[in-house]
Amino acid sequence: MKALHNISYGVFILTAKTNKHNGCVINTLIQLTSNPKQVAITVNKDNFTSKQIEESGIFNVSILDNTTTFDIIKHFGFSSGKDVDKFENFFDFKVSSNNLAYITKCTNAFISCRITQKIDVGTHFIFV
């Protein structure tokens, strides 16, 4: 189990929308295939963002760069979108062609995705 704490991860802001834009911090995004282009993310089943993805079938992932501040992580990771509107006083975002927010500050790219598979892996879902 100790070895699991030594796995390297990236940090990403996952965004989704049903009745409002929302986002959370995730640390798992992997490219599965190049043709067709497929990625996978894992999201805790209890996260409000996970429920939005299940309902809408779409999400965006903003890939954070090494200039990311703790304030951005805290903003998207330390509260639930069930309780707060994370975009109410956050202005460093745009809306992509799929009508979802993506983060523009401290990011080097974003990816827009449509769900093709949902895999239940215990506490989390894998969305492909």
N, C-alpha and C. Protein backbone atom coordinates (compact mmCIF):
# COMPACT_ATOMS: atom_id res chain seq x y z
N MET A 1 0.81 -1.19 0.00
CA MET A 1 0.00 0.00 0.00
C MET A 1 0.86 1.27 0.00
N LYS A 2 2.01 1.22 0.66
CA LYS A 2 2.89 2.38 0.73
C LYS A 2 3.34 2.83 -0.66
N ALA A 3 3.52 1.87 -1.56
CA ALA A 3 3.95 2.19 -2.93
C ALA A 3 2.93 3.05 -3.66
N LEU A 4 1.65 2.91 -3.34
CA LEU A 4 0.61 3.71 -4.00
C LEU A 4 0.80 5.20 -3.77
N HIS A 5 1.40 5.56 -2.64
CA HIS A 5 1.63 6.97 -2.34
C HIS A 5 2.77 7.56 -3.15
N ASN A 6 3.49 6.73 -3.88
CA ASN A 6 4.61 7.19 -4.70
C ASN A 6 4.28 7.31 -6.18
N ILE A 7 3.04 7.03 -6.55
CA ILE A 7 2.62 7.17 -7.95
C ILE A 7 2.50 8.65 -8.28
N SER A 8 3.04 9.05 -9.40
CA SER A 8 2.94 10.47 -9.79
C SER A 8 1.60 10.73 -10.48
N TYR A 9 1.08 11.91 -10.29
CA TYR A 9 -0.21 12.32 -10.84
C TYR A 9 -0.10 13.73 -11.39
N GLY A 10 -1.02 14.07 -12.27
CA GLY A 10 -1.22 15.45 -12.65
C GLY A 10 -2.35 16.01 -11.79
N VAL A 11 -2.64 17.26 -11.98
CA VAL A 11 -3.77 17.88 -11.29
C VAL A 11 -4.59 18.60 -12.36
N PHE A 12 -5.90 18.37 -12.31
CA PHE A 12 -6.80 18.85 -13.34
C PHE A 12 -8.06 19.42 -12.70
N ILE A 13 -8.69 20.35 -13.39
CA ILE A 13 -10.01 20.83 -12.98
C ILE A 13 -11.02 20.23 -13.94
N LEU A 14 -11.91 19.43 -13.39
CA LEU A 14 -12.97 18.79 -14.14
C LEU A 14 -14.22 19.66 -14.04
N THR A 15 -14.83 20.00 -15.19
CA THR A 15 -16.02 20.84 -15.16
C THR A 15 -17.18 20.14 -15.85
N ALA A 16 -18.36 20.44 -15.36
CA ALA A 16 -19.61 19.89 -15.89
C ALA A 16 -20.72 20.89 -15.63
N LYS A 17 -21.89 20.61 -16.18
CA LYS A 17 -23.01 21.53 -15.99
C LYS A 17 -24.32 20.78 -16.14
N THR A 18 -25.22 21.04 -15.22
CA THR A 18 -26.63 20.70 -15.40
C THR A 18 -27.38 22.00 -15.23
N ASN A 19 -27.75 22.35 -14.02
CA ASN A 19 -28.41 23.63 -13.80
C ASN A 19 -27.42 24.78 -13.59
N LYS A 20 -26.16 24.47 -13.34
CA LYS A 20 -25.12 25.50 -13.18
C LYS A 20 -23.76 24.91 -13.51
N HIS A 21 -22.82 25.79 -13.90
CA HIS A 21 -21.44 25.37 -14.11
C HIS A 21 -20.86 24.94 -12.76
N ASN A 22 -20.02 23.93 -12.81
CA ASN A 22 -19.42 23.42 -11.59
C ASN A 22 -18.08 22.79 -11.94
N GLY A 23 -17.23 22.62 -10.94
CA GLY A 23 -15.95 21.98 -11.17
C GLY A 23 -15.38 21.39 -9.91
N CYS A 24 -14.48 20.44 -10.09
CA CYS A 24 -13.77 19.85 -8.97
C CYS A 24 -12.35 19.49 -9.40
N VAL A 25 -11.52 19.21 -8.44
CA VAL A 25 -10.14 18.82 -8.69
C VAL A 25 -10.09 17.30 -8.85
N ILE A 26 -9.40 16.84 -9.89
CA ILE A 26 -9.14 15.41 -10.05
C ILE A 26 -7.65 15.22 -10.31
N ASN A 27 -7.18 14.00 -10.07
CA ASN A 27 -5.76 13.73 -10.32
C ASN A 27 -5.56 12.59 -11.31
N THR A 28 -6.65 12.16 -11.96
CA THR A 28 -6.52 11.06 -12.90
C THR A 28 -7.12 11.43 -14.25
N LEU A 29 -6.28 11.52 -15.24
CA LEU A 29 -6.67 11.71 -16.64
C LEU A 29 -5.64 10.95 -17.46
N ILE A 30 -6.11 10.00 -18.26
CA ILE A 30 -5.18 9.24 -19.09
C ILE A 30 -5.71 9.15 -20.51
N GLN A 31 -4.78 9.17 -21.45
CA GLN A 31 -5.13 8.92 -22.85
C GLN A 31 -5.23 7.42 -23.02
N LEU A 32 -6.35 6.96 -23.54
CA LEU A 32 -6.54 5.52 -23.77
C LEU A 32 -6.14 5.13 -25.18
N THR A 33 -6.64 5.87 -26.18
CA THR A 33 -6.35 5.56 -27.58
C THR A 33 -6.21 6.86 -28.36
N SER A 34 -5.57 6.75 -29.52
CA SER A 34 -5.45 7.92 -30.39
C SER A 34 -6.45 7.87 -31.54
N ASN A 35 -6.93 6.66 -31.88
CA ASN A 35 -7.91 6.54 -32.95
C ASN A 35 -8.88 5.40 -32.61
N PRO A 36 -10.06 5.71 -32.12
CA PRO A 36 -10.58 7.06 -31.92
C PRO A 36 -9.94 7.70 -30.69
N LYS A 37 -9.97 9.03 -30.65
CA LYS A 37 -9.39 9.75 -29.51
C LYS A 37 -10.24 9.46 -28.28
N GLN A 38 -9.61 8.85 -27.26
CA GLN A 38 -10.31 8.53 -26.03
C GLN A 38 -9.42 8.80 -24.83
N VAL A 39 -10.04 9.37 -23.80
CA VAL A 39 -9.38 9.56 -22.52
C VAL A 39 -10.28 8.95 -21.46
N ALA A 40 -9.71 8.77 -20.27
CA ALA A 40 -10.49 8.31 -19.13
C ALA A 40 -10.15 9.18 -17.93
N ILE A 41 -11.16 9.43 -17.11
CA ILE A 41 -10.99 10.15 -15.85
C ILE A 41 -11.62 9.30 -14.75
N THR A 42 -11.19 9.51 -13.52
CA THR A 42 -11.88 8.90 -12.39
C THR A 42 -12.41 10.02 -11.51
N VAL A 43 -13.63 9.80 -11.00
CA VAL A 43 -14.30 10.80 -10.17
C VAL A 43 -15.01 10.08 -9.04
N ASN A 44 -14.89 10.61 -7.86
CA ASN A 44 -15.59 10.05 -6.71
C ASN A 44 -17.09 10.09 -6.97
N LYS A 45 -17.76 8.99 -6.71
CA LYS A 45 -19.21 8.88 -6.95
C LYS A 45 -20.01 9.92 -6.18
N ASP A 46 -19.52 10.33 -5.02
CA ASP A 46 -20.25 11.27 -4.18
C ASP A 46 -20.11 12.72 -4.61
N ASN A 47 -19.18 13.01 -5.53
CA ASN A 47 -18.99 14.39 -5.98
C ASN A 47 -20.19 14.88 -6.79
N PHE A 48 -20.57 16.11 -6.55
CA PHE A 48 -21.65 16.75 -7.30
C PHE A 48 -21.30 16.76 -8.79
N THR A 49 -20.04 17.01 -9.12
CA THR A 49 -19.61 17.03 -10.52
C THR A 49 -19.84 15.67 -11.18
N SER A 50 -19.60 14.60 -10.45
CA SER A 50 -19.84 13.25 -10.97
C SER A 50 -21.31 13.07 -11.33
N LYS A 51 -22.18 13.54 -10.48
CA LYS A 51 -23.62 13.43 -10.74
C LYS A 51 -24.02 14.26 -11.97
N GLN A 52 -23.39 15.43 -12.15
CA GLN A 52 -23.66 16.25 -13.33
C GLN A 52 -23.21 15.55 -14.60
N ILE A 53 -22.06 14.90 -14.55
CA ILE A 53 -21.56 14.17 -15.71
C ILE A 53 -22.48 13.02 -16.06
N GLU A 54 -22.92 12.29 -15.04
CA GLU A 54 -23.86 11.19 -15.29
C GLU A 54 -25.13 11.70 -15.98
N GLU A 55 -25.62 12.85 -15.54
CA GLU A 55 -26.86 13.40 -16.10
C GLU A 55 -26.67 13.98 -17.50
N SER A 56 -25.58 14.71 -17.71
CA SER A 56 -25.39 15.42 -18.98
C SER A 56 -24.66 14.59 -20.03
N GLY A 57 -23.78 13.69 -19.59
CA GLY A 57 -23.00 12.87 -20.51
C GLY A 57 -21.80 13.58 -21.10
N ILE A 58 -21.46 14.78 -20.60
CA ILE A 58 -20.31 15.52 -21.12
C ILE A 58 -19.50 16.13 -19.98
N PHE A 59 -18.24 16.45 -20.28
CA PHE A 59 -17.39 17.14 -19.31
C PHE A 59 -16.24 17.81 -20.04
N ASN A 60 -15.60 18.74 -19.37
CA ASN A 60 -14.34 19.34 -19.81
C ASN A 60 -13.30 19.07 -18.75
N VAL A 61 -12.05 18.98 -19.17
CA VAL A 61 -10.94 18.86 -18.24
C VAL A 61 -9.93 19.95 -18.59
N SER A 62 -9.63 20.80 -17.62
CA SER A 62 -8.59 21.81 -17.78
C SER A 62 -7.30 21.25 -17.21
N ILE A 63 -6.26 21.25 -18.01
CA ILE A 63 -4.98 20.68 -17.62
C ILE A 63 -4.15 21.80 -16.99
N LEU A 64 -3.94 21.69 -15.70
CA LEU A 64 -3.25 22.75 -14.96
C LEU A 64 -1.75 22.68 -15.22
N ASP A 65 -1.13 23.85 -15.24
CA ASP A 65 0.32 23.91 -15.47
C ASP A 65 1.05 24.14 -14.15
N ASN A 66 2.36 24.30 -14.21
CA ASN A 66 3.15 24.41 -12.98
C ASN A 66 3.09 25.79 -12.33
N THR A 67 2.30 26.72 -12.90
CA THR A 67 2.09 28.03 -12.25
C THR A 67 0.82 28.02 -11.39
N THR A 68 0.14 26.91 -11.33
CA THR A 68 -1.12 26.82 -10.59
C THR A 68 -0.90 27.14 -9.13
N THR A 69 -1.76 27.99 -8.62
CA THR A 69 -1.66 28.40 -7.22
C THR A 69 -2.54 27.51 -6.34
N PHE A 70 -2.20 27.47 -5.07
CA PHE A 70 -3.01 26.72 -4.11
C PHE A 70 -4.43 27.28 -4.05
N ASP A 71 -4.58 28.58 -4.30
CA ASP A 71 -5.92 29.18 -4.28
C ASP A 71 -6.86 28.54 -5.30
N ILE A 72 -6.36 28.19 -6.48
CA ILE A 72 -7.20 27.53 -7.49
C ILE A 72 -7.58 26.13 -7.02
N ILE A 73 -6.62 25.41 -6.47
CA ILE A 73 -6.90 24.07 -5.94
C ILE A 73 -7.93 24.17 -4.82
N LYS A 74 -7.73 25.10 -3.92
CA LYS A 74 -8.64 25.29 -2.79
C LYS A 74 -10.04 25.66 -3.28
N HIS A 75 -10.11 26.55 -4.26
CA HIS A 75 -11.40 27.03 -4.77
C HIS A 75 -12.23 25.88 -5.34
N PHE A 76 -11.61 25.01 -6.11
CA PHE A 76 -12.36 23.92 -6.75
C PHE A 76 -12.34 22.62 -5.96
N GLY A 77 -11.46 22.52 -4.96
CA GLY A 77 -11.33 21.25 -4.27
C GLY A 77 -11.78 21.19 -2.83
N PHE A 78 -12.04 22.34 -2.21
CA PHE A 78 -12.33 22.32 -0.77
C PHE A 78 -13.79 22.58 -0.43
N SER A 79 -14.65 22.63 -1.43
CA SER A 79 -16.08 22.82 -1.18
C SER A 79 -16.85 22.05 -2.24
N SER A 80 -18.12 21.84 -1.97
CA SER A 80 -18.95 21.09 -2.90
C SER A 80 -19.82 22.03 -3.72
N GLY A 81 -19.96 21.73 -5.00
CA GLY A 81 -20.85 22.47 -5.86
C GLY A 81 -22.31 22.35 -5.45
N LYS A 82 -22.62 21.37 -4.60
CA LYS A 82 -23.98 21.26 -4.04
C LYS A 82 -24.28 22.46 -3.16
N ASP A 83 -23.23 22.97 -2.49
CA ASP A 83 -23.40 24.01 -1.48
C ASP A 83 -23.03 25.41 -1.94
N VAL A 84 -22.13 25.51 -2.91
CA VAL A 84 -21.65 26.82 -3.38
C VAL A 84 -21.62 26.85 -4.90
N ASP A 85 -21.72 28.05 -5.45
CA ASP A 85 -21.55 28.25 -6.88
C ASP A 85 -20.10 28.62 -7.12
N LYS A 86 -19.31 27.67 -7.58
CA LYS A 86 -17.87 27.88 -7.72
C LYS A 86 -17.51 28.88 -8.81
N PHE A 87 -18.43 29.20 -9.68
CA PHE A 87 -18.15 30.16 -10.74
C PHE A 87 -18.76 31.54 -10.48
N GLU A 88 -19.43 31.72 -9.37
CA GLU A 88 -20.09 33.00 -9.07
C GLU A 88 -19.09 34.15 -9.02
N ASN A 89 -17.98 33.98 -8.33
CA ASN A 89 -16.97 35.03 -8.22
C ASN A 89 -15.63 34.59 -8.78
N PHE A 90 -15.66 33.68 -9.72
CA PHE A 90 -14.45 33.19 -10.39
C PHE A 90 -14.56 33.59 -11.85
N PHE A 91 -13.60 34.34 -12.35
CA PHE A 91 -13.73 34.93 -13.69
C PHE A 91 -12.69 34.43 -14.69
N ASP A 92 -11.81 33.53 -14.27
CA ASP A 92 -10.76 33.03 -15.15
C ASP A 92 -11.23 31.77 -15.87
N PHE A 93 -12.29 31.91 -16.65
CA PHE A 93 -12.82 30.79 -17.42
C PHE A 93 -13.50 31.30 -18.68
N LYS A 94 -13.67 30.39 -19.61
CA LYS A 94 -14.46 30.63 -20.82
C LYS A 94 -15.41 29.45 -20.96
N VAL A 95 -16.33 29.57 -21.90
CA VAL A 95 -17.27 28.49 -22.18
C VAL A 95 -16.96 27.94 -23.56
N SER A 96 -16.77 26.64 -23.64
CA SER A 96 -16.40 25.99 -24.90
C SER A 96 -17.63 25.71 -25.76
N SER A 97 -17.41 25.15 -26.92
CA SER A 97 -18.50 24.89 -27.86
C SER A 97 -19.53 23.88 -27.33
N ASN A 98 -19.16 23.09 -26.31
CA ASN A 98 -20.13 22.17 -25.71
C ASN A 98 -20.90 22.81 -24.56
N ASN A 99 -20.75 24.13 -24.42
CA ASN A 99 -21.47 24.94 -23.42
C ASN A 99 -21.02 24.65 -21.99
N LEU A 100 -19.79 24.17 -21.83
CA LEU A 100 -19.24 23.94 -20.49
C LEU A 100 -18.07 24.88 -20.25
N ALA A 101 -17.90 25.25 -19.00
CA ALA A 101 -16.79 26.11 -18.61
C ALA A 101 -15.47 25.34 -18.69
N TYR A 102 -14.41 26.08 -18.96
CA TYR A 102 -13.06 25.56 -18.79
C TYR A 102 -12.20 26.66 -18.21
N ILE A 103 -11.19 26.29 -17.45
CA ILE A 103 -10.36 27.25 -16.73
C ILE A 103 -9.30 27.82 -17.68
N THR A 104 -9.12 29.15 -17.62
CA THR A 104 -8.13 29.80 -18.49
C THR A 104 -6.87 30.20 -17.73
N LYS A 105 -6.93 30.30 -16.43
CA LYS A 105 -5.78 30.70 -15.64
C LYS A 105 -5.00 29.46 -15.21
N CYS A 106 -3.69 29.50 -15.40
CA CYS A 106 -2.79 28.42 -14.97
C CYS A 106 -3.07 27.10 -15.68
N THR A 107 -3.53 27.16 -16.90
CA THR A 107 -3.76 25.94 -17.67
C THR A 107 -2.97 26.00 -18.97
N ASN A 108 -2.61 24.82 -19.48
CA ASN A 108 -1.93 24.80 -20.76
C ASN A 108 -2.81 24.21 -21.86
N ALA A 109 -3.97 23.64 -21.49
CA ALA A 109 -4.91 23.10 -22.48
C ALA A 109 -6.18 22.67 -21.78
N PHE A 110 -7.21 22.42 -22.57
CA PHE A 110 -8.41 21.78 -22.03
C PHE A 110 -8.92 20.79 -23.06
N ILE A 111 -9.69 19.82 -22.58
CA ILE A 111 -10.24 18.78 -23.42
C ILE A 111 -11.75 18.72 -23.17
N SER A 112 -12.53 18.69 -24.24
CA SER A 112 -13.98 18.51 -24.14
C SER A 112 -14.30 17.06 -24.48
N CYS A 113 -15.16 16.44 -23.68
CA CYS A 113 -15.43 15.01 -23.85
C CYS A 113 -16.92 14.68 -23.77
N ARG A 114 -17.28 13.62 -24.47
CA ARG A 114 -18.61 13.02 -24.40
C ARG A 114 -18.42 11.60 -23.89
N ILE A 115 -19.22 11.21 -22.90
CA ILE A 115 -19.09 9.90 -22.27
C ILE A 115 -19.49 8.79 -23.24
N THR A 116 -18.62 7.78 -23.36
CA THR A 116 -18.96 6.58 -24.12
C THR A 116 -19.12 5.37 -23.21
N GLN A 117 -18.49 5.43 -22.04
CA GLN A 117 -18.60 4.34 -21.07
C GLN A 117 -18.51 4.89 -19.66
N LYS A 118 -19.20 4.23 -18.74
CA LYS A 118 -19.07 4.52 -17.31
C LYS A 118 -18.80 3.19 -16.63
N ILE A 119 -17.71 3.14 -15.88
CA ILE A 119 -17.31 1.91 -15.20
C ILE A 119 -17.29 2.17 -13.70
N ASP A 120 -18.01 1.36 -12.97
CA ASP A 120 -18.08 1.46 -11.51
C ASP A 120 -16.89 0.72 -10.93
N VAL A 121 -16.03 1.44 -10.20
CA VAL A 121 -14.85 0.82 -9.61
C VAL A 121 -14.82 1.03 -8.09
N GLY A 122 -15.98 0.92 -7.47
CA GLY A 122 -16.05 1.05 -6.01
C GLY A 122 -16.44 2.46 -5.61
N THR A 123 -15.51 3.20 -5.02
CA THR A 123 -15.80 4.56 -4.57
C THR A 123 -15.88 5.56 -5.72
N HIS A 124 -15.36 5.18 -6.89
CA HIS A 124 -15.25 6.09 -8.03
C HIS A 124 -15.91 5.50 -9.27
N PHE A 125 -16.20 6.39 -10.21
CA PHE A 125 -16.55 5.99 -11.56
C PHE A 125 -15.37 6.31 -12.46
N ILE A 126 -15.14 5.46 -13.44
CA ILE A 126 -14.24 5.79 -14.54
C ILE A 126 -15.17 6.21 -15.68
N PHE A 127 -14.97 7.40 -16.18
CA PHE A 127 -15.71 7.88 -17.35
C PHE A 127 -14.76 7.87 -18.53
N VAL A 128 -15.15 7.18 -19.60
CA VAL A 128 -14.38 7.12 -20.84
C VAL A 128 -15.07 8.02 -21.84
